[in-house]
Amino acid sequence: MIRKLSSGEYRLYSRKTDPRTGKRRNLGTFKSRAAAEKHERAVQYFKRR
């Protein structure tokens, strides 16, 4: 799940909420949406390994 920050950067969050905090886990901050989407695909790939 990608959200745009007020600084203009994009942050990748986990799809599920973290049971300890009740919030989504931050999986990285990126300058462009394309970079965030690319990393999201990499995360999904390694989750299935």
PDB file of N, CA and C in Angstrom:
ATOM      1  N   MET A   1       0.854  -1.170   0.000  1.00  0.00           N
ATOM      2  CA  MET A   1       0.000   0.000   0.000  1.00  0.00           C
ATOM      3  C   MET A   1       0.901   1.234   0.000  1.00  0.00           C
ATOM      4  N   ILE A   2       0.732   2.096  -0.998  1.00  0.00           N
ATOM      5  CA  ILE A   2       1.612   3.256  -1.161  1.00  0.00           C
ATOM      6  C   ILE A   2       0.821   4.526  -0.858  1.00  0.00           C
ATOM      7  N   ARG A   3       1.404   5.390  -0.031  1.00  0.00           N
ATOM      8  CA  ARG A   3       0.792   6.674   0.286  1.00  0.00           C
ATOM      9  C   ARG A   3       1.771   7.790  -0.047  1.00  0.00           C
ATOM     10  N   LYS A   4       1.224   8.914  -0.520  1.00  0.00           N
ATOM     11  CA  LYS A   4       2.071  10.086  -0.785  1.00  0.00           C
ATOM     12  C   LYS A   4       2.169  10.916   0.494  1.00  0.00           C
ATOM     13  N   LEU A   5       3.390  11.291   0.852  1.00  0.00           N
ATOM     14  CA  LEU A   5       3.621  12.093   2.044  1.00  0.00           C
ATOM     15  C   LEU A   5       3.559  13.579   1.693  1.00  0.00           C
ATOM     16  N   SER A   6       3.404  14.418   2.709  1.00  0.00           N
ATOM     17  CA  SER A   6       3.339  15.862   2.467  1.00  0.00           C
ATOM     18  C   SER A   6       4.649  16.392   1.898  1.00  0.00           C
ATOM     19  N   SER A   7       5.757  15.676   2.139  1.00  0.00           N
ATOM     20  CA  SER A   7       7.067  16.088   1.621  1.00  0.00           C
ATOM     21  C   SER A   7       7.197  15.792   0.124  1.00  0.00           C
ATOM     22  N   GLY A   8       6.217  15.062  -0.452  1.00  0.00           N
ATOM     23  CA  GLY A   8       6.268  14.724  -1.869  1.00  0.00           C
ATOM     24  C   GLY A   8       6.838  13.351  -2.129  1.00  0.00           C
ATOM     25  N   GLU A   9       7.335  12.693  -1.082  1.00  0.00           N
ATOM     26  CA  GLU A   9       7.862  11.338  -1.237  1.00  0.00           C
ATOM     27  C   GLU A   9       6.722  10.332  -1.098  1.00  0.00           C
ATOM     28  N   TYR A  10       7.024   9.089  -1.445  1.00  0.00           N
ATOM     29  CA  TYR A  10       6.035   8.027  -1.339  1.00  0.00           C
ATOM     30  C   TYR A  10       6.517   7.000  -0.330  1.00  0.00           C
ATOM     31  N   ARG A  11       5.596   6.509   0.500  1.00  0.00           N
ATOM     32  CA  ARG A  11       5.963   5.520   1.505  1.00  0.00           C
ATOM     33  C   ARG A  11       5.176   4.244   1.272  1.00  0.00           C
ATOM     34  N   LEU A  12       5.897   3.125   1.365  1.00  0.00           N
ATOM     35  CA  LEU A  12       5.284   1.806   1.202  1.00  0.00           C
ATOM     36  C   LEU A  12       4.949   1.255   2.581  1.00  0.00           C
ATOM     37  N   TYR A  13       3.680   0.906   2.778  1.00  0.00           N
ATOM     38  CA  TYR A  13       3.219   0.315   4.035  1.00  0.00           C
ATOM     39  C   TYR A  13       2.805  -1.121   3.790  1.00  0.00           C
ATOM     40  N   SER A  14       2.896  -1.951   4.826  1.00  0.00           N
ATOM     41  CA  SER A  14       2.423  -3.320   4.715  1.00  0.00           C
ATOM     42  C   SER A  14       0.912  -3.303   4.527  1.00  0.00           C
ATOM     43  N   ARG A  15       0.376  -4.353   3.909  1.00  0.00           N
ATOM     44  CA  ARG A  15      -1.063  -4.427   3.664  1.00  0.00           C
ATOM     45  C   ARG A  15      -1.829  -4.700   4.947  1.00  0.00           C
ATOM     46  N   LYS A  16      -1.235  -5.511   5.832  1.00  0.00           N
ATOM     47  CA  LYS A  16      -1.891  -5.835   7.104  1.00  0.00           C
ATOM     48  C   LYS A  16      -1.364  -4.920   8.203  1.00  0.00           C
ATOM     49  N   THR A  17      -2.182  -4.722   9.235  1.00  0.00           N
ATOM     50  CA  THR A  17      -1.728  -3.916  10.371  1.00  0.00           C
ATOM     51  C   THR A  17      -0.831  -4.762  11.265  1.00  0.00           C
ATOM     52  N   ASP A  18       0.117  -4.100  11.921  1.00  0.00           N
ATOM     53  CA  ASP A  18       1.026  -4.765  12.852  1.00  0.00           C
ATOM     54  C   ASP A  18       0.247  -5.050  14.138  1.00  0.00           C
ATOM     55  N   PRO A  19       0.180  -6.312  14.574  1.00  0.00           N
ATOM     56  CA  PRO A  19      -0.628  -6.618  15.761  1.00  0.00           C
ATOM     57  C   PRO A  19      -0.162  -5.910  17.031  1.00  0.00           C
ATOM     58  N   ARG A  20       1.134  -5.601  17.138  1.00  0.00           N
ATOM     59  CA  ARG A  20       1.649  -4.949  18.354  1.00  0.00           C
ATOM     60  C   ARG A  20       1.217  -3.494  18.451  1.00  0.00           C
ATOM     61  N   THR A  21       1.258  -2.781  17.323  1.00  0.00           N
ATOM     62  CA  THR A  21       0.988  -1.340  17.365  1.00  0.00           C
ATOM     63  C   THR A  21      -0.398  -0.985  16.850  1.00  0.00           C
ATOM     64  N   GLY A  22      -0.998  -1.870  16.036  1.00  0.00           N
ATOM     65  CA  GLY A  22      -2.291  -1.552  15.429  1.00  0.00           C
ATOM     66  C   GLY A  22      -2.166  -0.682  14.196  1.00  0.00           C
ATOM     67  N   LYS A  23      -0.905  -0.375  13.804  1.00  0.00           N
ATOM     68  CA  LYS A  23      -0.658   0.449  12.614  1.00  0.00           C
ATOM     69  C   LYS A  23      -0.001  -0.410  11.536  1.00  0.00           C
ATOM     70  N   ARG A  24       0.094   0.160  10.350  1.00  0.00           N
ATOM     71  CA  ARG A  24       0.756  -0.541   9.256  1.00  0.00           C
ATOM     72  C   ARG A  24       2.261  -0.367   9.358  1.00  0.00           C
ATOM     73  N   ARG A  25       3.008  -1.403   9.014  1.00  0.00           N
ATOM     74  CA  ARG A  25       4.467  -1.355   9.100  1.00  0.00           C
ATOM     75  C   ARG A  25       5.028  -0.567   7.909  1.00  0.00           C
ATOM     76  N   ASN A  26       5.990   0.323   8.184  1.00  0.00           N
ATOM     77  CA  ASN A  26       6.644   1.105   7.139  1.00  0.00           C
ATOM     78  C   ASN A  26       7.682   0.218   6.445  1.00  0.00           C
ATOM     79  N   LEU A  27       7.524   0.039   5.135  1.00  0.00           N
ATOM     80  CA  LEU A  27       8.444  -0.818   4.372  1.00  0.00           C
ATOM     81  C   LEU A  27       9.395  -0.006   3.499  1.00  0.00           C
ATOM     82  N   GLY A  28       9.474   1.287   3.725  1.00  0.00           N
ATOM     83  CA  GLY A  28      10.442   2.088   2.981  1.00  0.00           C
ATOM     84  C   GLY A  28       9.830   3.351   2.417  1.00  0.00           C
ATOM     85  N   THR A  29      10.667   4.359   2.200  1.00  0.00           N
ATOM     86  CA  THR A  29      10.254   5.650   1.659  1.00  0.00           C
ATOM     87  C   THR A  29      11.035   5.889   0.368  1.00  0.00           C
ATOM     88  N   PHE A  30      10.333   6.361  -0.673  1.00  0.00           N
ATOM     89  CA  PHE A  30      10.931   6.468  -2.005  1.00  0.00           C
ATOM     90  C   PHE A  30      10.629   7.825  -2.619  1.00  0.00           C
ATOM     91  N   LYS A  31      11.531   8.284  -3.499  1.00  0.00           N
ATOM     92  CA  LYS A  31      11.368   9.581  -4.151  1.00  0.00           C
ATOM     93  C   LYS A  31      10.239   9.566  -5.171  1.00  0.00           C
ATOM     94  N   SER A  32      10.037   8.428  -5.844  1.00  0.00           N
ATOM     95  CA  SER A  32       9.019   8.360  -6.890  1.00  0.00           C
ATOM     96  C   SER A  32       8.065   7.200  -6.627  1.00  0.00           C
ATOM     97  N   ARG A  33       6.862   7.322  -7.162  1.00  0.00           N
ATOM     98  CA  ARG A  33       5.872   6.259  -6.998  1.00  0.00           C
ATOM     99  C   ARG A  33       6.328   4.990  -7.721  1.00  0.00           C
ATOM    100  N   ALA A  34       6.986   5.159  -8.877  1.00  0.00           N
ATOM    101  CA  ALA A  34       7.462   4.000  -9.636  1.00  0.00           C
ATOM    102  C   ALA A  34       8.461   3.193  -8.822  1.00  0.00           C
ATOM    103  N   ALA A  35       9.336   3.880  -8.089  1.00  0.00           N
ATOM    104  CA  ALA A  35      10.316   3.181  -7.255  1.00  0.00           C
ATOM    105  C   ALA A  35       9.620   2.426  -6.132  1.00  0.00           C
ATOM    106  N   ALA A  36       8.586   3.032  -5.557  1.00  0.00           N
ATOM    107  CA  ALA A  36       7.833   2.376  -4.485  1.00  0.00           C
ATOM    108  C   ALA A  36       7.105   1.146  -5.019  1.00  0.00           C
ATOM    109  N   GLU A  37       6.519   1.252  -6.213  1.00  0.00           N
ATOM    110  CA  GLU A  37       5.814   0.116  -6.820  1.00  0.00           C
ATOM    111  C   GLU A  37       6.782  -1.011  -7.142  1.00  0.00           C
ATOM    112  N   LYS A  38       7.965  -0.657  -7.606  1.00  0.00           N
ATOM    113  CA  LYS A  38       8.980  -1.668  -7.917  1.00  0.00           C
ATOM    114  C   LYS A  38       9.376  -2.425  -6.656  1.00  0.00           C
ATOM    115  N   HIS A  39       9.572  -1.694  -5.572  1.00  0.00           N
ATOM    116  CA  HIS A  39       9.953  -2.333  -4.312  1.00  0.00           C
ATOM    117  C   HIS A  39       8.801  -3.188  -3.770  1.00  0.00           C
ATOM    118  N   GLU A  40       7.570  -2.725  -3.966  1.00  0.00           N
ATOM    119  CA  GLU A  40       6.415  -3.492  -3.493  1.00  0.00           C
ATOM    120  C   GLU A  40       6.365  -4.860  -4.177  1.00  0.00           C
ATOM    121  N   ARG A  41       6.669  -4.883  -5.486  1.00  0.00           N
ATOM    122  CA  ARG A  41       6.704  -6.161  -6.214  1.00  0.00           C
ATOM    123  C   ARG A  41       7.802  -7.059  -5.658  1.00  0.00           C
ATOM    124  N   ALA A  42       8.961  -6.487  -5.330  1.00  0.00           N
ATOM    125  CA  ALA A  42      10.067  -7.260  -4.766  1.00  0.00           C
ATOM    126  C   ALA A  42       9.679  -7.843  -3.409  1.00  0.00           C
ATOM    127  N   VAL A  43       8.977  -7.045  -2.598  1.00  0.00           N
ATOM    128  CA  VAL A  43       8.535  -7.509  -1.275  1.00  0.00           C
ATOM    129  C   VAL A  43       7.580  -8.688  -1.445  1.00  0.00           C
ATOM    130  N   GLN A  44       6.623  -8.553  -2.358  1.00  0.00           N
ATOM    131  CA  GLN A  44       5.635  -9.627  -2.569  1.00  0.00           C
ATOM    132  C   GLN A  44       6.339 -10.899  -3.051  1.00  0.00           C
ATOM    133  N   TYR A  45       7.351 -10.738  -3.904  1.00  0.00           N
ATOM    134  CA  TYR A  45       8.093 -11.889  -4.406  1.00  0.00           C
ATOM    135  C   TYR A  45       8.781 -12.637  -3.257  1.00  0.00           C
ATOM    136  N   PHE A  46       9.457 -11.898  -2.380  1.00  0.00           N
ATOM    137  CA  PHE A  46      10.206 -12.553  -1.310  1.00  0.00           C
ATOM    138  C   PHE A  46       9.294 -13.113  -0.220  1.00  0.00           C
ATOM    139  N   LYS A  47       8.078 -12.540  -0.100  1.00  0.00           N
ATOM    140  CA  LYS A  47       7.128 -13.103   0.870  1.00  0.00           C
ATOM    141  C   LYS A  47       6.708 -14.513   0.456  1.00  0.00           C
ATOM    142  N   ARG A  48       6.785 -14.808  -0.840  1.00  0.00           N
ATOM    143  CA  ARG A  48       6.338 -16.111  -1.340  1.00  0.00           C
ATOM    144  C   ARG A  48       7.464 -17.108  -1.503  1.00  0.00           C
ATOM    145  N   ARG A  49       8.705 -16.732  -1.150  1.00  0.00           N
ATOM    146  CA  ARG A  49       9.862 -17.620  -1.317  1.00  0.00           C
ATOM    147  C   ARG A  49       9.905 -18.653  -0.212  1.00  0.00           C
TER     148      ARG A  49
END
